[in-house]
Each structure stands twice: as C-alpha cells, then as structure tokens.
Amino acid sequence: MNPATPVRVLDRVVLPADRAQDWLARWRGDYLPGATARGLRAPQVLREHTGTDSVALQIIWELPGIYDFYGMRAAAAADPAVAAFWSDTDAVALTRERHVMAMQEESV
C-alpha cells in the first residue's frame, strides 16, 4: 500500500431507535472534537433503519494515509475518554463494528 493512499474508516453502530438521537448528540459533543484532533476528518453520518425498533448510524471518516491512521490509533489508545465513550456505547448498542479501507492500487 502506498502510504499516501487515503484511508477511509467506517464506524457502524446499531442502536435501539429510541436511543439513536441521544447517542448521536453525545457523539457530536463528546467524541467528534477529539476525533478531528486525532486527524479523522470529513465525517459523513448516514442513518439506516434496520428494523421497526433499531437504527444503524454509519459514520464514514477519512485520513490522508496509512501512517495517519496508525497515528490516530495511537492517540486514541492513549486517551481514556475514547475508551469511556466506546464503553458507554457498548452498553446501549445492539452491535458495533469498524472497517478500515483504502483504494485498491492497480498493478501496471
């Protein structure tokens, strides 16, 4: 992988429908400022109704490259507020997952 290839991170959190708005407000207030300080940028938030009583929030982030991704991971691991936020999320979420993706480079 070229270290300058942009990296995308997809966080998908499935929540009870009646908890989604509160979680999103907490994400915006408590998690987003630190995430942008760690280098995550341009979050896109998508809402998917997964059932009559559940909602998936999909957050797509971008980082300039793989070194930035590992720097972000190290900074997150050193910040107890990050672990606390995700622990609180796990207490209410039905499921949670993260996918890290980069553009496939074509061989010539």
PDB file of N, CA and C in Angstrom:
ATOM      1  N   MET A   1       0.840  -1.178   0.000  1.00  0.00           N
ATOM      2  CA  MET A   1       0.000   0.000   0.000  1.00  0.00           C
ATOM      3  C   MET A   1       0.884   1.241   0.000  1.00  0.00           C
ATOM      4  N   ASN A   2       0.549   2.154  -0.850  1.00  0.00           N
ATOM      5  CA  ASN A   2       1.222   3.440  -0.900  1.00  0.00           C
ATOM      6  C   ASN A   2       0.844   4.224   0.361  1.00  0.00           C
ATOM      7  N   PRO A   3       1.829   4.728   1.144  1.00  0.00           N
ATOM      8  CA  PRO A   3       1.489   5.437   2.382  1.00  0.00           C
ATOM      9  C   PRO A   3       0.657   6.695   2.147  1.00  0.00           C
ATOM     10  N   ALA A   4       0.624   7.202   0.909  1.00  0.00           N
ATOM     11  CA  ALA A   4      -0.147   8.406   0.613  1.00  0.00           C
ATOM     12  C   ALA A   4      -1.555   8.089   0.124  1.00  0.00           C
ATOM     13  N   THR A   5      -1.916   6.812   0.042  1.00  0.00           N
ATOM     14  CA  THR A   5      -3.269   6.445  -0.373  1.00  0.00           C
ATOM     15  C   THR A   5      -4.242   6.782   0.761  1.00  0.00           C
ATOM     16  N   PRO A   6      -5.272   7.581   0.486  1.00  0.00           N
ATOM     17  CA  PRO A   6      -6.227   7.920   1.544  1.00  0.00           C
ATOM     18  C   PRO A   6      -6.870   6.670   2.141  1.00  0.00           C
ATOM     19  N   VAL A   7      -7.150   6.762   3.433  1.00  0.00           N
ATOM     20  CA  VAL A   7      -7.777   5.676   4.178  1.00  0.00           C
ATOM     21  C   VAL A   7      -9.169   6.141   4.592  1.00  0.00           C
ATOM     22  N   ARG A   8     -10.137   5.249   4.462  1.00  0.00           N
ATOM     23  CA  ARG A   8     -11.494   5.533   4.924  1.00  0.00           C
ATOM     24  C   ARG A   8     -11.799   4.580   6.083  1.00  0.00           C
ATOM     25  N   VAL A   9     -12.476   5.106   7.067  1.00  0.00           N
ATOM     26  CA  VAL A   9     -12.873   4.323   8.226  1.00  0.00           C
ATOM     27  C   VAL A   9     -14.396   4.392   8.312  1.00  0.00           C
ATOM     28  N   LEU A  10     -15.030   3.223   8.396  1.00  0.00           N
ATOM     29  CA  LEU A  10     -16.475   3.149   8.536  1.00  0.00           C
ATOM     30  C   LEU A  10     -16.796   2.617   9.929  1.00  0.00           C
ATOM     31  N   ASP A  11     -17.444   3.440  10.729  1.00  0.00           N
ATOM     32  CA  ASP A  11     -17.973   3.009  12.021  1.00  0.00           C
ATOM     33  C   ASP A  11     -19.466   2.793  11.826  1.00  0.00           C
ATOM     34  N   ARG A  12     -19.936   1.607  12.206  1.00  0.00           N
ATOM     35  CA  ARG A  12     -21.374   1.294  12.091  1.00  0.00           C
ATOM     36  C   ARG A  12     -21.856   0.871  13.465  1.00  0.00           C
ATOM     37  N   VAL A  13     -22.797   1.641  14.001  1.00  0.00           N
ATOM     38  CA  VAL A  13     -23.343   1.388  15.326  1.00  0.00           C
ATOM     39  C   VAL A  13     -24.850   1.196  15.169  1.00  0.00           C
ATOM     40  N   VAL A  14     -25.346   0.031  15.591  1.00  0.00           N
ATOM     41  CA  VAL A  14     -26.785  -0.240  15.549  1.00  0.00           C
ATOM     42  C   VAL A  14     -27.323  -0.035  16.953  1.00  0.00           C
ATOM     43  N   LEU A  15     -28.321   0.824  17.046  1.00  0.00           N
ATOM     44  CA  LEU A  15     -28.876   1.232  18.340  1.00  0.00           C
ATOM     45  C   LEU A  15     -30.387   1.033  18.354  1.00  0.00           C
ATOM     46  N   PRO A  16     -30.965   0.891  19.533  1.00  0.00           N
ATOM     47  CA  PRO A  16     -32.420   0.953  19.615  1.00  0.00           C
ATOM     48  C   PRO A  16     -32.866   2.311  19.064  1.00  0.00           C
ATOM     49  N   ALA A  17     -33.937   2.338  18.316  1.00  0.00           N
ATOM     50  CA  ALA A  17     -34.376   3.568  17.649  1.00  0.00           C
ATOM     51  C   ALA A  17     -34.557   4.721  18.633  1.00  0.00           C
ATOM     52  N   ASP A  18     -35.043   4.417  19.828  1.00  0.00           N
ATOM     53  CA  ASP A  18     -35.286   5.490  20.793  1.00  0.00           C
ATOM     54  C   ASP A  18     -34.013   6.003  21.461  1.00  0.00           C
ATOM     55  N   ARG A  19     -32.856   5.389  21.199  1.00  0.00           N
ATOM     56  CA  ARG A  19     -31.588   5.831  21.775  1.00  0.00           C
ATOM     57  C   ARG A  19     -30.671   6.496  20.743  1.00  0.00           C
ATOM     58  N   ALA A  20     -31.018   6.398  19.470  1.00  0.00           N
ATOM     59  CA  ALA A  20     -30.125   6.862  18.394  1.00  0.00           C
ATOM     60  C   ALA A  20     -29.865   8.364  18.458  1.00  0.00           C
ATOM     61  N   GLN A  21     -30.879   9.159  18.661  1.00  0.00           N
ATOM     62  CA  GLN A  21     -30.692  10.619  18.650  1.00  0.00           C
ATOM     63  C   GLN A  21     -29.827  11.066  19.818  1.00  0.00           C
ATOM     64  N   ASP A  22     -30.043  10.491  20.997  1.00  0.00           N
ATOM     65  CA  ASP A  22     -29.220  10.841  22.160  1.00  0.00           C
ATOM     66  C   ASP A  22     -27.763  10.424  21.939  1.00  0.00           C
ATOM     67  N   TRP A  23     -27.565   9.223  21.377  1.00  0.00           N
ATOM     68  CA  TRP A  23     -26.199   8.765  21.124  1.00  0.00           C
ATOM     69  C   TRP A  23     -25.499   9.697  20.136  1.00  0.00           C
ATOM     70  N   LEU A  24     -26.218  10.073  19.079  1.00  0.00           N
ATOM     71  CA  LEU A  24     -25.633  10.948  18.065  1.00  0.00           C
ATOM     72  C   LEU A  24     -25.273  12.316  18.656  1.00  0.00           C
ATOM     73  N   ALA A  25     -26.108  12.834  19.528  1.00  0.00           N
ATOM     74  CA  ALA A  25     -25.797  14.118  20.192  1.00  0.00           C
ATOM     75  C   ALA A  25     -24.548  13.973  21.053  1.00  0.00           C
ATOM     76  N   ARG A  26     -24.420  12.856  21.761  1.00  0.00           N
ATOM     77  CA  ARG A  26     -23.228  12.622  22.583  1.00  0.00           C
ATOM     78  C   ARG A  26     -21.999  12.439  21.696  1.00  0.00           C
ATOM     79  N   TRP A  27     -22.153  11.728  20.593  1.00  0.00           N
ATOM     80  CA  TRP A  27     -21.045  11.544  19.647  1.00  0.00           C
ATOM     81  C   TRP A  27     -20.552  12.903  19.158  1.00  0.00           C
ATOM     82  N   ARG A  28     -21.494  13.775  18.782  1.00  0.00           N
ATOM     83  CA  ARG A  28     -21.115  15.109  18.294  1.00  0.00           C
ATOM     84  C   ARG A  28     -20.422  15.939  19.380  1.00  0.00           C
ATOM     85  N   GLY A  29     -20.928  15.868  20.588  1.00  0.00           N
ATOM     86  CA  GLY A  29     -20.374  16.694  21.664  1.00  0.00           C
ATOM     87  C   GLY A  29     -19.134  16.138  22.323  1.00  0.00           C
ATOM     88  N   ASP A  30     -19.097  14.809  22.525  1.00  0.00           N
ATOM     89  CA  ASP A  30     -18.008  14.200  23.293  1.00  0.00           C
ATOM     90  C   ASP A  30     -16.927  13.551  22.435  1.00  0.00           C
ATOM     91  N   TYR A  31     -17.311  12.949  21.328  1.00  0.00           N
ATOM     92  CA  TYR A  31     -16.341  12.165  20.554  1.00  0.00           C
ATOM     93  C   TYR A  31     -15.764  12.941  19.363  1.00  0.00           C
ATOM     94  N   LEU A  32     -16.599  13.640  18.635  1.00  0.00           N
ATOM     95  CA  LEU A  32     -16.185  14.308  17.404  1.00  0.00           C
ATOM     96  C   LEU A  32     -15.027  15.294  17.587  1.00  0.00           C
ATOM     97  N   PRO A  33     -15.038  16.162  18.599  1.00  0.00           N
ATOM     98  CA  PRO A  33     -13.899  17.095  18.727  1.00  0.00           C
ATOM     99  C   PRO A  33     -12.559  16.378  18.878  1.00  0.00           C
ATOM    100  N   GLY A  34     -12.505  15.345  19.701  1.00  0.00           N
ATOM    101  CA  GLY A  34     -11.260  14.599  19.873  1.00  0.00           C
ATOM    102  C   GLY A  34     -10.867  13.836  18.629  1.00  0.00           C
ATOM    103  N   ALA A  35     -11.869  13.280  17.932  1.00  0.00           N
ATOM    104  CA  ALA A  35     -11.588  12.528  16.701  1.00  0.00           C
ATOM    105  C   ALA A  35     -10.968  13.430  15.643  1.00  0.00           C
ATOM    106  N   THR A  36     -11.499  14.629  15.489  1.00  0.00           N
ATOM    107  CA  THR A  36     -10.921  15.535  14.492  1.00  0.00           C
ATOM    108  C   THR A  36      -9.524  15.987  14.924  1.00  0.00           C
ATOM    109  N   ALA A  37      -9.301  16.139  16.236  1.00  0.00           N
ATOM    110  CA  ALA A  37      -7.961  16.486  16.722  1.00  0.00           C
ATOM    111  C   ALA A  37      -6.971  15.343  16.457  1.00  0.00           C
ATOM    112  N   ARG A  38      -7.450  14.108  16.440  1.00  0.00           N
ATOM    113  CA  ARG A  38      -6.597  12.953  16.147  1.00  0.00           C
ATOM    114  C   ARG A  38      -6.406  12.758  14.646  1.00  0.00           C
ATOM    115  N   GLY A  39      -7.024  13.578  13.813  1.00  0.00           N
ATOM    116  CA  GLY A  39      -6.795  13.517  12.375  1.00  0.00           C
ATOM    117  C   GLY A  39      -7.926  12.946  11.549  1.00  0.00           C
ATOM    118  N   LEU A  40      -8.958  12.403  12.194  1.00  0.00           N
ATOM    119  CA  LEU A  40     -10.118  11.932  11.426  1.00  0.00           C
ATOM    120  C   LEU A  40     -10.840  13.150  10.881  1.00  0.00           C
ATOM    121  N   ARG A  41     -11.221  13.086   9.616  1.00  0.00           N
ATOM    122  CA  ARG A  41     -11.817  14.281   9.011  1.00  0.00           C
ATOM    123  C   ARG A  41     -12.997  13.905   8.123  1.00  0.00           C
ATOM    124  N   ALA A  42     -13.763  14.923   7.810  1.00  0.00           N
ATOM    125  CA  ALA A  42     -14.882  14.841   6.871  1.00  0.00           C
ATOM    126  C   ALA A  42     -15.877  13.734   7.208  1.00  0.00           C
ATOM    127  N   PRO A  43     -16.341  13.673   8.469  1.00  0.00           N
ATOM    128  CA  PRO A  43     -17.283  12.598   8.770  1.00  0.00           C
ATOM    129  C   PRO A  43     -18.603  12.780   8.037  1.00  0.00           C
ATOM    130  N   GLN A  44     -19.057  11.699   7.456  1.00  0.00           N
ATOM    131  CA  GLN A  44     -20.387  11.650   6.854  1.00  0.00           C
ATOM    132  C   GLN A  44     -21.208  10.719   7.728  1.00  0.00           C
ATOM    133  N   VAL A  45     -22.366  11.167   8.154  1.00  0.00           N
ATOM    134  CA  VAL A  45     -23.212  10.346   9.007  1.00  0.00           C
ATOM    135  C   VAL A  45     -24.440   9.932   8.203  1.00  0.00           C
ATOM    136  N   LEU A  46     -24.609   8.624   8.105  1.00  0.00           N
ATOM    137  CA  LEU A  46     -25.746   8.061   7.387  1.00  0.00           C
ATOM    138  C   LEU A  46     -26.610   7.304   8.374  1.00  0.00           C
ATOM    139  N   ARG A  47     -27.914   7.398   8.203  1.00  0.00           N
ATOM    140  CA  ARG A  47     -28.862   6.700   9.072  1.00  0.00           C
ATOM    141  C   ARG A  47     -29.564   5.639   8.241  1.00  0.00           C
ATOM    142  N   GLU A  48     -29.610   4.442   8.802  1.00  0.00           N
ATOM    143  CA  GLU A  48     -30.263   3.323   8.128  1.00  0.00           C
ATOM    144  C   GLU A  48     -31.243   2.697   9.113  1.00  0.00           C
ATOM    145  N   HIS A  49     -32.500   2.610   8.728  1.00  0.00           N
ATOM    146  CA  HIS A  49     -33.482   1.930   9.579  1.00  0.00           C
ATOM    147  C   HIS A  49     -33.321   0.438   9.341  1.00  0.00           C
ATOM    148  N   THR A  50     -32.924  -0.272  10.386  1.00  0.00           N
ATOM    149  CA  THR A  50     -32.628  -1.697  10.259  1.00  0.00           C
ATOM    150  C   THR A  50     -33.775  -2.572  10.745  1.00  0.00           C
ATOM    151  N   GLY A  51     -34.779  -1.978  11.293  1.00  0.00           N
ATOM    152  CA  GLY A  51     -35.939  -2.706  11.781  1.00  0.00           C
ATOM    153  C   GLY A  51     -36.935  -1.714  12.350  1.00  0.00           C
ATOM    154  N   THR A  52     -38.029  -2.205  12.863  1.00  0.00           N
ATOM    155  CA  THR A  52     -39.045  -1.295  13.399  1.00  0.00           C
ATOM    156  C   THR A  52     -38.564  -0.576  14.653  1.00  0.00           C
ATOM    157  N   ASP A  53     -37.587  -1.159  15.344  1.00  0.00           N
ATOM    158  CA  ASP A  53     -37.130  -0.545  16.585  1.00  0.00           C
ATOM    159  C   ASP A  53     -35.612  -0.385  16.674  1.00  0.00           C
ATOM    160  N   SER A  54     -34.922  -0.383  15.514  1.00  0.00           N
ATOM    161  CA  SER A  54     -33.468  -0.192  15.534  1.00  0.00           C
ATOM    162  C   SER A  54     -33.011   0.677  14.371  1.00  0.00           C
ATOM    163  N   VAL A  55     -31.917   1.370  14.625  1.00  0.00           N
ATOM    164  CA  VAL A  55     -31.336   2.288  13.650  1.00  0.00           C
ATOM    165  C   VAL A  55     -29.827   2.047  13.609  1.00  0.00           C
ATOM    166  N   ALA A  56     -29.285   1.988  12.411  1.00  0.00           N
ATOM    167  CA  ALA A  56     -27.833   1.916  12.251  1.00  0.00           C
ATOM    168  C   ALA A  56     -27.334   3.302  11.873  1.00  0.00           C
ATOM    169  N   LEU A  57     -26.354   3.772  12.608  1.00  0.00           N
ATOM    170  CA  LEU A  57     -25.674   5.011  12.244  1.00  0.00           C
ATOM    171  C   LEU A  57     -24.338   4.607  11.647  1.00  0.00           C
ATOM    172  N   GLN A  58     -24.110   5.048  10.430  1.00  0.00           N
ATOM    173  CA  GLN A  58     -22.861   4.728   9.740  1.00  0.00           C
ATOM    174  C   GLN A  58     -22.091   6.025   9.576  1.00  0.00           C
ATOM    175  N   ILE A  59     -20.888   6.035  10.107  1.00  0.00           N
ATOM    176  CA  ILE A  59     -20.046   7.233  10.071  1.00  0.00           C
ATOM    177  C   ILE A  59     -18.823   6.897   9.235  1.00  0.00           C
ATOM    178  N   ILE A  60     -18.637   7.651   8.180  1.00  0.00           N
ATOM    179  CA  ILE A  60     -17.506   7.429   7.276  1.00  0.00           C
ATOM    180  C   ILE A  60     -16.520   8.577   7.477  1.00  0.00           C
ATOM    181  N   TRP A  61     -15.306   8.209   7.864  1.00  0.00           N
ATOM    182  CA  TRP A  61     -14.222   9.161   8.119  1.00  0.00           C
ATOM    183  C   TRP A  61     -13.180   9.035   7.011  1.00  0.00           C
ATOM    184  N   GLU A  62     -12.304  10.012   6.961  1.00  0.00           N
ATOM    185  CA  GLU A  62     -11.197   9.967   6.015  1.00  0.00           C
ATOM    186  C   GLU A  62      -9.908  10.374   6.725  1.00  0.00           C
ATOM    187  N   LEU A  63      -8.826   9.717   6.336  1.00  0.00           N
ATOM    188  CA  LEU A  63      -7.478  10.073   6.782  1.00  0.00           C
ATOM    189  C   LEU A  63      -6.594  10.150   5.551  1.00  0.00           C
ATOM    190  N   PRO A  64      -5.571  11.012   5.539  1.00  0.00           N
ATOM    191  CA  PRO A  64      -4.739  11.177   4.351  1.00  0.00           C
ATOM    192  C   PRO A  64      -3.968   9.928   3.922  1.00  0.00           C
ATOM    193  N   GLY A  65      -3.598   9.067   4.873  1.00  0.00           N
ATOM    194  CA  GLY A  65      -2.808   7.892   4.510  1.00  0.00           C
ATOM    195  C   GLY A  65      -2.693   6.929   5.668  1.00  0.00           C
ATOM    196  N   ILE A  66      -2.014   5.821   5.432  1.00  0.00           N
ATOM    197  CA  ILE A  66      -1.916   4.764   6.433  1.00  0.00           C
ATOM    198  C   ILE A  66      -1.117   5.205   7.664  1.00  0.00           C
ATOM    199  N   TYR A  67      -0.087   6.014   7.496  1.00  0.00           N
ATOM    200  CA  TYR A  67       0.664   6.489   8.655  1.00  0.00           C
ATOM    201  C   TYR A  67      -0.224   7.360   9.546  1.00  0.00           C
ATOM    202  N   ASP A  68      -1.085   8.138   8.921  1.00  0.00           N
ATOM    203  CA  ASP A  68      -2.031   8.967   9.681  1.00  0.00           C
ATOM    204  C   ASP A  68      -3.008   8.080  10.453  1.00  0.00           C
ATOM    205  N   PHE A  69      -3.418   6.978   9.833  1.00  0.00           N
ATOM    206  CA  PHE A  69      -4.311   6.040  10.504  1.00  0.00           C
ATOM    207  C   PHE A  69      -3.650   5.480  11.767  1.00  0.00           C
ATOM    208  N   TYR A  70      -2.402   5.012  11.645  1.00  0.00           N
ATOM    209  CA  TYR A  70      -1.732   4.451  12.811  1.00  0.00           C
ATOM    210  C   TYR A  70      -1.450   5.515  13.867  1.00  0.00           C
ATOM    211  N   GLY A  71      -1.174   6.734  13.455  1.00  0.00           N
ATOM    212  CA  GLY A  71      -1.015   7.831  14.418  1.00  0.00           C
ATOM    213  C   GLY A  71      -2.309   8.109  15.166  1.00  0.00           C
ATOM    214  N   MET A  72      -3.425   8.076  14.441  1.00  0.00           N
ATOM    215  CA  MET A  72      -4.732   8.278  15.059  1.00  0.00           C
ATOM    216  C   MET A  72      -5.010   7.175  16.060  1.00  0.00           C
ATOM    217  N   ARG A  73      -4.701   5.925  15.699  1.00  0.00           N
ATOM    218  CA  ARG A  73      -4.937   4.784  16.595  1.00  0.00           C
ATOM    219  C   ARG A  73      -4.119   4.918  17.877  1.00  0.00           C
ATOM    220  N   ALA A  74      -2.869   5.338  17.750  1.00  0.00           N
ATOM    221  CA  ALA A  74      -2.018   5.503  18.932  1.00  0.00           C
ATOM    222  C   ALA A  74      -2.564   6.601  19.840  1.00  0.00           C
ATOM    223  N   ALA A  75      -2.996   7.707  19.245  1.00  0.00           N
ATOM    224  CA  ALA A  75      -3.551   8.809  20.037  1.00  0.00           C
ATOM    225  C   ALA A  75      -4.841   8.379  20.727  1.00  0.00           C
ATOM    226  N   ALA A  76      -5.682   7.613  20.043  1.00  0.00           N
ATOM    227  CA  ALA A  76      -6.934   7.140  20.638  1.00  0.00           C
ATOM    228  C   ALA A  76      -6.660   6.190  21.797  1.00  0.00           C
ATOM    229  N   ALA A  77      -5.677   5.316  21.634  1.00  0.00           N
ATOM    230  CA  ALA A  77      -5.344   4.363  22.692  1.00  0.00           C
ATOM    231  C   ALA A  77      -4.833   5.067  23.942  1.00  0.00           C
ATOM    232  N   ALA A  78      -4.219   6.236  23.771  1.00  0.00           N
ATOM    233  CA  ALA A  78      -3.658   6.980  24.900  1.00  0.00           C
ATOM    234  C   ALA A  78      -4.686   7.890  25.581  1.00  0.00           C
ATOM    235  N   ASP A  79      -5.893   7.973  25.027  1.00  0.00           N
ATOM    236  CA  ASP A  79      -6.914   8.883  25.545  1.00  0.00           C
ATOM    237  C   ASP A  79      -8.009   8.083  26.257  1.00  0.00           C
ATOM    238  N   PRO A  80      -8.080   8.150  27.595  1.00  0.00           N
ATOM    239  CA  PRO A  80      -9.096   7.376  28.307  1.00  0.00           C
ATOM    240  C   PRO A  80     -10.524   7.784  27.955  1.00  0.00           C
ATOM    241  N   ALA A  81     -10.731   8.998  27.468  1.00  0.00           N
ATOM    242  CA  ALA A  81     -12.079   9.432  27.077  1.00  0.00           C
ATOM    243  C   ALA A  81     -12.596   8.620  25.891  1.00  0.00           C
ATOM    244  N   VAL A  82     -11.694   8.185  25.011  1.00  0.00           N
ATOM    245  CA  VAL A  82     -12.102   7.369  23.867  1.00  0.00           C
ATOM    246  C   VAL A  82     -12.629   6.026  24.350  1.00  0.00           C
ATOM    247  N   ALA A  83     -11.879   5.367  25.224  1.00  0.00           N
ATOM    248  CA  ALA A  83     -12.320   4.075  25.762  1.00  0.00           C
ATOM    249  C   ALA A  83     -13.631   4.228  26.522  1.00  0.00           C
ATOM    250  N   ALA A  84     -13.786   5.297  27.265  1.00  0.00           N
ATOM    251  CA  ALA A  84     -15.019   5.525  28.021  1.00  0.00           C
ATOM    252  C   ALA A  84     -16.210   5.724  27.078  1.00  0.00           C
ATOM    253  N   PHE A  85     -16.001   6.496  26.007  1.00  0.00           N
ATOM    254  CA  PHE A  85     -17.089   6.729  25.054  1.00  0.00           C
ATOM    255  C   PHE A  85     -17.561   5.414  24.445  1.00  0.00           C
ATOM    256  N   TRP A  86     -16.604   4.577  23.991  1.00  0.00           N
ATOM    257  CA  TRP A  86     -16.996   3.320  23.342  1.00  0.00           C
ATOM    258  C   TRP A  86     -17.542   2.325  24.356  1.00  0.00           C
ATOM    259  N   SER A  87     -17.096   2.366  25.587  1.00  0.00           N
ATOM    260  CA  SER A  87     -17.664   1.510  26.624  1.00  0.00           C
ATOM    261  C   SER A  87     -19.127   1.889  26.888  1.00  0.00           C
ATOM    262  N   ASP A  88     -19.383   3.186  26.973  1.00  0.00           N
ATOM    263  CA  ASP A  88     -20.761   3.655  27.148  1.00  0.00           C
ATOM    264  C   ASP A  88     -21.615   3.296  25.935  1.00  0.00           C
ATOM    265  N   THR A  89     -21.021   3.370  24.746  1.00  0.00           N
ATOM    266  CA  THR A  89     -21.742   2.983  23.527  1.00  0.00           C
ATOM    267  C   THR A  89     -22.105   1.509  23.585  1.00  0.00           C
ATOM    268  N   ASP A  90     -21.149   0.678  23.978  1.00  0.00           N
ATOM    269  CA  ASP A  90     -21.408  -0.764  24.042  1.00  0.00           C
ATOM    270  C   ASP A  90     -22.526  -1.108  25.018  1.00  0.00           C
ATOM    271  N   ALA A  91     -22.744  -0.271  26.014  1.00  0.00           N
ATOM    272  CA  ALA A  91     -23.806  -0.521  26.988  1.00  0.00           C
ATOM    273  C   ALA A  91     -25.202  -0.350  26.379  1.00  0.00           C
ATOM    274  N   VAL A  92     -25.318   0.427  25.295  1.00  0.00           N
ATOM    275  CA  VAL A  92     -26.637   0.660  24.685  1.00  0.00           C
ATOM    276  C   VAL A  92     -26.751   0.119  23.260  1.00  0.00           C
ATOM    277  N   ALA A  93     -25.630  -0.088  22.592  1.00  0.00           N
ATOM    278  CA  ALA A  93     -25.663  -0.519  21.183  1.00  0.00           C
ATOM    279  C   ALA A  93     -26.055  -1.986  21.073  1.00  0.00           C
ATOM    280  N   LEU A  94     -26.765  -2.290  20.000  1.00  0.00           N
ATOM    281  CA  LEU A  94     -27.087  -3.684  19.692  1.00  0.00           C
ATOM    282  C   LEU A  94     -25.877  -4.358  19.054  1.00  0.00           C
ATOM    283  N   THR A  95     -25.188  -3.633  18.169  1.00  0.00           N
ATOM    284  CA  THR A  95     -23.933  -4.082  17.576  1.00  0.00           C
ATOM    285  C   THR A  95     -23.101  -2.859  17.240  1.00  0.00           C
ATOM    286  N   ARG A  96     -21.788  -3.112  17.099  1.00  0.00           N
ATOM    287  CA  ARG A  96     -20.879  -2.034  16.700  1.00  0.00           C
ATOM    288  C   ARG A  96     -19.729  -2.671  15.947  1.00  0.00           C
ATOM    289  N   GLU A  97     -19.311  -2.022  14.855  1.00  0.00           N
ATOM    290  CA  GLU A  97     -18.175  -2.530  14.088  1.00  0.00           C
ATOM    291  C   GLU A  97     -17.448  -1.376  13.419  1.00  0.00           C
ATOM    292  N   ARG A  98     -16.177  -1.636  13.113  1.00  0.00           N
ATOM    293  CA  ARG A  98     -15.345  -0.646  12.415  1.00  0.00           C
ATOM    294  C   ARG A  98     -14.644  -1.354  11.274  1.00  0.00           C
ATOM    295  N   HIS A  99     -14.650  -0.704  10.114  1.00  0.00           N
ATOM    296  CA  HIS A  99     -13.950  -1.215   8.941  1.00  0.00           C
ATOM    297  C   HIS A  99     -12.975  -0.142   8.474  1.00  0.00           C
ATOM    298  N   VAL A 100     -11.756  -0.558   8.160  1.00  0.00           N
ATOM    299  CA  VAL A 100     -10.719   0.353   7.666  1.00  0.00           C
ATOM    300  C   VAL A 100     -10.444  -0.046   6.236  1.00  0.00           C
ATOM    301  N   MET A 101     -10.538   0.925   5.317  1.00  0.00           N
ATOM    302  CA  MET A 101     -10.438   0.629   3.882  1.00  0.00           C
ATOM    303  C   MET A 101      -9.538   1.625   3.181  1.00  0.00           C
ATOM    304  N   ALA A 102      -8.900   1.149   2.120  1.00  0.00           N
ATOM    305  CA  ALA A 102      -8.104   2.028   1.258  1.00  0.00           C
ATOM    306  C   ALA A 102      -8.363   1.601  -0.193  1.00  0.00           C
ATOM    307  N   MET A 103      -8.169   2.531  -1.098  1.00  0.00           N
ATOM    308  CA  MET A 103      -8.357   2.260  -2.515  1.00  0.00           C
ATOM    309  C   MET A 103      -7.376   1.184  -2.966  1.00  0.00           C
ATOM    310  N   GLN A 104      -7.885   0.212  -3.674  1.00  0.00           N
ATOM    311  CA  GLN A 104      -7.019  -0.846  -4.237  1.00  0.00           C
ATOM    312  C   GLN A 104      -6.158  -0.240  -5.331  1.00  0.00           C
ATOM    313  N   GLU A 105      -4.850  -0.453  -5.219  1.00  0.00           N
ATOM    314  CA  GLU A 105      -3.940   0.055  -6.244  1.00  0.00           C
ATOM    315  C   GLU A 105      -3.884  -0.943  -7.387  1.00  0.00           C
ATOM    316  N   GLU A 106      -3.925  -0.434  -8.583  1.00  0.00           N
ATOM    317  CA  GLU A 106      -3.854  -1.272  -9.791  1.00  0.00           C
ATOM    318  C   GLU A 106      -2.395  -1.536 -10.120  1.00  0.00           C
ATOM    319  N   SER A 107      -2.061  -2.789 -10.431  1.00  0.00           N
ATOM    320  CA  SER A 107      -0.694  -3.074 -10.898  1.00  0.00           C
ATOM    321  C   SER A 107      -0.627  -2.830 -12.391  1.00  0.00           C
ATOM    322  N   VAL A 108       0.484  -2.332 -12.812  1.00  0.00           N
ATOM    323  CA  VAL A 108       0.639  -1.955 -14.212  1.00  0.00           C
ATOM    324  C   VAL A 108       1.264  -3.075 -14.998  1.00  0.00           C
TER     325      VAL A 108
END
